[in-house]
Amino acid sequence: MKELKENNNQPGPNNNKNDVRVNNNFSLTINLGDSLNLFALIGSICIVKRLVKKRKAKRKKMQWP
């Protein structure tokens, strides 16, 4: 934990103390499972991309006779 302490002592009646504490934690956990599930996921993404391309091409053909 990082701590930053500042004491602002200026001549006069005011004595300001600022305590700032910063605690930044970042964690990322990815569990992809076994290789068969990963292969199926990649394959399904490729199939969906291919279907989207075909659908877009078909729409373009219909618009421009």
C-alpha atoms as a PDB file:
ATOM      1  CA  MET A   1       0.000   0.000   0.000  1.00  0.00           C
ATOM      2  CA  LYS A   2       1.380   3.349  -1.008  1.00  0.00           C
ATOM      3  CA  GLU A   3       0.925   6.261   1.295  1.00  0.00           C
ATOM      4  CA  LEU A   4       1.376   9.918   0.504  1.00  0.00           C
ATOM      5  CA  LYS A   5       1.424  12.335   3.406  1.00  0.00           C
ATOM      6  CA  GLU A   6       1.614  16.058   3.005  1.00  0.00           C
ATOM      7  CA  ASN A   7       2.006  18.558   5.767  1.00  0.00           C
ATOM      8  CA  ASN A   8       1.304  22.119   4.754  1.00  0.00           C
ATOM      9  CA  ASN A   9       2.794  24.319   7.437  1.00  0.00           C
ATOM     10  CA  GLN A  10       2.425  27.954   6.535  1.00  0.00           C
ATOM     11  CA  PRO A  11       2.839  30.900   8.829  1.00  0.00           C
ATOM     12  CA  GLY A  12      -0.491  31.878  10.276  1.00  0.00           C
ATOM     13  CA  PRO A  13      -3.339  30.364  12.270  1.00  0.00           C
ATOM     14  CA  ASN A  14      -4.085  27.551   9.780  1.00  0.00           C
ATOM     15  CA  ASN A  15      -2.362  24.172   9.982  1.00  0.00           C
ATOM     16  CA  ASN A  16      -3.648  21.913   7.179  1.00  0.00           C
ATOM     17  CA  LYS A  17      -2.833  18.209   7.091  1.00  0.00           C
ATOM     18  CA  ASN A  18      -3.749  16.135   4.041  1.00  0.00           C
ATOM     19  CA  ASP A  19      -3.483  12.354   4.225  1.00  0.00           C
ATOM     20  CA  VAL A  20      -3.981  10.523   0.931  1.00  0.00           C
ATOM     21  CA  ARG A  21      -3.949   6.729   0.803  1.00  0.00           C
ATOM     22  CA  VAL A  22      -4.016   4.930  -2.534  1.00  0.00           C
ATOM     23  CA  ASN A  23      -4.575   1.207  -2.836  1.00  0.00           C
ATOM     24  CA  ASN A  24      -4.985   0.015  -6.440  1.00  0.00           C
ATOM     25  CA  ASN A  25      -5.403  -3.698  -7.095  1.00  0.00           C
ATOM     26  CA  PHE A  26      -6.126  -5.143 -10.544  1.00  0.00           C
ATOM     27  CA  SER A  27      -6.565  -8.824 -11.209  1.00  0.00           C
ATOM     28  CA  LEU A  28      -7.735 -10.631 -14.328  1.00  0.00           C
ATOM     29  CA  THR A  29      -8.525 -14.330 -14.370  1.00  0.00           C
ATOM     30  CA  ILE A  30      -9.312 -16.183 -17.582  1.00  0.00           C
ATOM     31  CA  ASN A  31     -10.184 -19.860 -17.544  1.00  0.00           C
ATOM     32  CA  LEU A  32     -10.562 -21.305 -21.046  1.00  0.00           C
ATOM     33  CA  GLY A  33     -11.160 -24.904 -20.042  1.00  0.00           C
ATOM     34  CA  ASP A  34      -9.872 -27.831 -22.037  1.00  0.00           C
ATOM     35  CA  SER A  35      -8.611 -27.584 -25.606  1.00  0.00           C
ATOM     36  CA  LEU A  36     -11.762 -29.121 -27.132  1.00  0.00           C
ATOM     37  CA  ASN A  37     -13.939 -26.318 -25.773  1.00  0.00           C
ATOM     38  CA  LEU A  38     -11.441 -23.741 -26.989  1.00  0.00           C
ATOM     39  CA  PHE A  39     -11.381 -25.319 -30.448  1.00  0.00           C
ATOM     40  CA  ALA A  40     -15.202 -25.302 -30.584  1.00  0.00           C
ATOM     41  CA  LEU A  41     -15.289 -21.630 -29.569  1.00  0.00           C
ATOM     42  CA  ILE A  42     -12.805 -20.600 -32.274  1.00  0.00           C
ATOM     43  CA  GLY A  43     -14.631 -22.684 -34.873  1.00  0.00           C
ATOM     44  CA  SER A  44     -18.001 -21.165 -34.018  1.00  0.00           C
ATOM     45  CA  ILE A  45     -16.560 -17.644 -34.289  1.00  0.00           C
ATOM     46  CA  CYS A  46     -15.205 -18.459 -37.764  1.00  0.00           C
ATOM     47  CA  ILE A  47     -18.551 -19.893 -38.879  1.00  0.00           C
ATOM     48  CA  VAL A  48     -20.455 -16.843 -37.639  1.00  0.00           C
ATOM     49  CA  LYS A  49     -18.049 -14.506 -39.467  1.00  0.00           C
ATOM     50  CA  ARG A  50     -18.483 -16.490 -42.674  1.00  0.00           C
ATOM     51  CA  LEU A  51     -22.290 -16.375 -42.396  1.00  0.00           C
ATOM     52  CA  VAL A  52     -22.251 -12.621 -41.787  1.00  0.00           C
ATOM     53  CA  LYS A  53     -20.094 -12.055 -44.883  1.00  0.00           C
ATOM     54  CA  LYS A  54     -22.454 -14.144 -47.041  1.00  0.00           C
ATOM     55  CA  ARG A  55     -25.478 -12.265 -45.711  1.00  0.00           C
ATOM     56  CA  LYS A  56     -23.906  -8.882 -46.455  1.00  0.00           C
ATOM     57  CA  ALA A  57     -22.967  -9.980 -49.979  1.00  0.00           C
ATOM     58  CA  LYS A  58     -26.498 -11.229 -50.591  1.00  0.00           C
ATOM     59  CA  ARG A  59     -27.992  -7.900 -49.450  1.00  0.00           C
ATOM     60  CA  LYS A  60     -25.639  -5.958 -51.733  1.00  0.00           C
ATOM     61  CA  LYS A  61     -26.688  -8.139 -54.683  1.00  0.00           C
ATOM     62  CA  MET A  62     -30.365  -7.499 -54.005  1.00  0.00           C
ATOM     63  CA  GLN A  63     -29.901  -3.738 -53.800  1.00  0.00           C
ATOM     64  CA  TRP A  64     -27.948  -3.398 -57.070  1.00  0.00           C
ATOM     65  CA  PRO A  65     -29.614  -5.402 -59.869  1.00  0.00           C
END
